[in-house]
Amino acid sequence: MIRFVDDKMSRKVVLLVFWIFGYFLGALAWAVKGPLVQFIENVGLSSDAAGGILAGFFGSSVMVLSLLFWSYISSSS
């Protein structure tokens, strides 16, 4: 279990971890955007719709994984 010195420090660390994780996941999404957009366009959607689908998927992934991480480090047991 991860424990930090005090509540203020732990909030700062958690926010920093969320920001770094989101940044790297966004960079990953940018790196794989081209091939994934082409794949989605083959299904019959426009490139704008494909970009929206990818942004929604990676954005929701950041939120879910961030909440899972937060709940793990803040659990009392």
Protein backbone atom coordinates (compact mmCIF):
# COMPACT_ATOMS: atom_id res chain seq x y z
CA MET A 1 0.00 0.00 0.00
CA ILE A 2 1.30 3.43 -0.89
CA ARG A 3 1.24 5.94 1.94
CA PHE A 4 2.44 9.53 1.80
CA VAL A 5 3.60 11.91 4.51
CA ASP A 6 0.43 13.97 4.83
CA ASP A 7 -2.85 14.65 3.02
CA LYS A 8 -1.67 17.78 1.21
CA MET A 9 1.41 16.06 -0.12
CA SER A 10 -0.53 13.00 -1.22
CA ARG A 11 -3.04 15.11 -3.17
CA LYS A 12 -0.24 16.90 -4.99
CA VAL A 13 1.46 13.62 -5.81
CA VAL A 14 -1.77 12.02 -7.00
CA LEU A 15 -2.58 15.00 -9.22
CA LEU A 16 0.93 14.92 -10.65
CA VAL A 17 0.64 11.19 -11.37
CA PHE A 18 -2.76 11.69 -13.06
CA TRP A 19 -1.33 14.50 -15.20
CA ILE A 20 1.74 12.49 -16.24
CA PHE A 21 -0.37 9.41 -17.00
CA GLY A 22 -2.81 11.45 -19.06
CA TYR A 23 0.03 13.11 -20.96
CA PHE A 24 1.63 9.80 -21.90
CA LEU A 25 -1.68 8.23 -22.85
CA GLY A 26 -2.40 11.25 -25.06
CA ALA A 27 1.02 10.91 -26.68
CA LEU A 28 0.28 7.23 -27.30
CA ALA A 29 -3.06 8.13 -28.86
CA TRP A 30 -1.32 10.64 -31.14
CA ALA A 31 1.26 8.02 -32.16
CA VAL A 32 -1.34 5.41 -33.14
CA LYS A 33 -3.89 7.86 -34.54
CA GLY A 34 -2.96 7.46 -38.21
CA PRO A 35 -3.36 3.70 -38.54
CA LEU A 36 -6.43 3.62 -36.30
CA VAL A 37 -8.18 6.41 -38.21
CA GLN A 38 -7.53 4.57 -41.48
CA PHE A 39 -8.92 1.37 -39.95
CA ILE A 40 -12.06 3.15 -38.71
CA GLU A 41 -12.49 4.88 -42.09
CA ASN A 42 -12.56 1.42 -43.73
CA VAL A 43 -15.68 0.72 -41.66
CA GLY A 44 -17.35 3.66 -43.39
CA LEU A 45 -16.97 6.57 -40.97
CA SER A 46 -15.34 9.90 -41.79
CA SER A 47 -11.95 10.89 -40.40
CA ASP A 48 -13.65 13.41 -38.09
CA ALA A 49 -15.88 10.70 -36.62
CA ALA A 50 -12.88 8.39 -36.27
CA GLY A 51 -10.96 11.12 -34.43
CA GLY A 52 -13.91 11.66 -32.13
CA ILE A 53 -14.15 7.96 -31.37
CA LEU A 54 -10.43 7.78 -30.56
CA ALA A 55 -10.54 10.92 -28.39
CA GLY A 56 -13.52 9.56 -26.47
CA PHE A 57 -11.90 6.17 -25.97
CA PHE A 58 -8.57 7.50 -24.76
CA GLY A 59 -10.20 10.23 -22.65
CA SER A 60 -12.49 7.77 -20.92
CA SER A 61 -9.56 5.40 -20.42
CA VAL A 62 -7.65 8.13 -18.61
CA MET A 63 -10.61 8.80 -16.33
CA VAL A 64 -11.29 5.14 -15.49
CA LEU A 65 -7.65 4.28 -14.86
CA SER A 66 -7.16 7.46 -12.82
CA LEU A 67 -10.15 6.64 -10.64
CA LEU A 68 -8.95 3.07 -10.17
CA PHE A 69 -5.52 4.33 -9.14
CA TRP A 70 -7.02 6.90 -6.80
CA SER A 71 -9.32 4.36 -5.16
CA TYR A 72 -6.40 1.96 -4.73
CA ILE A 73 -4.16 4.47 -2.97
CA SER A 74 -6.94 5.94 -0.84
CA SER A 75 -8.41 2.67 0.44
CA SER A 76 -8.29 2.39 4.21
CA SER A 77 -7.68 -1.34 4.45
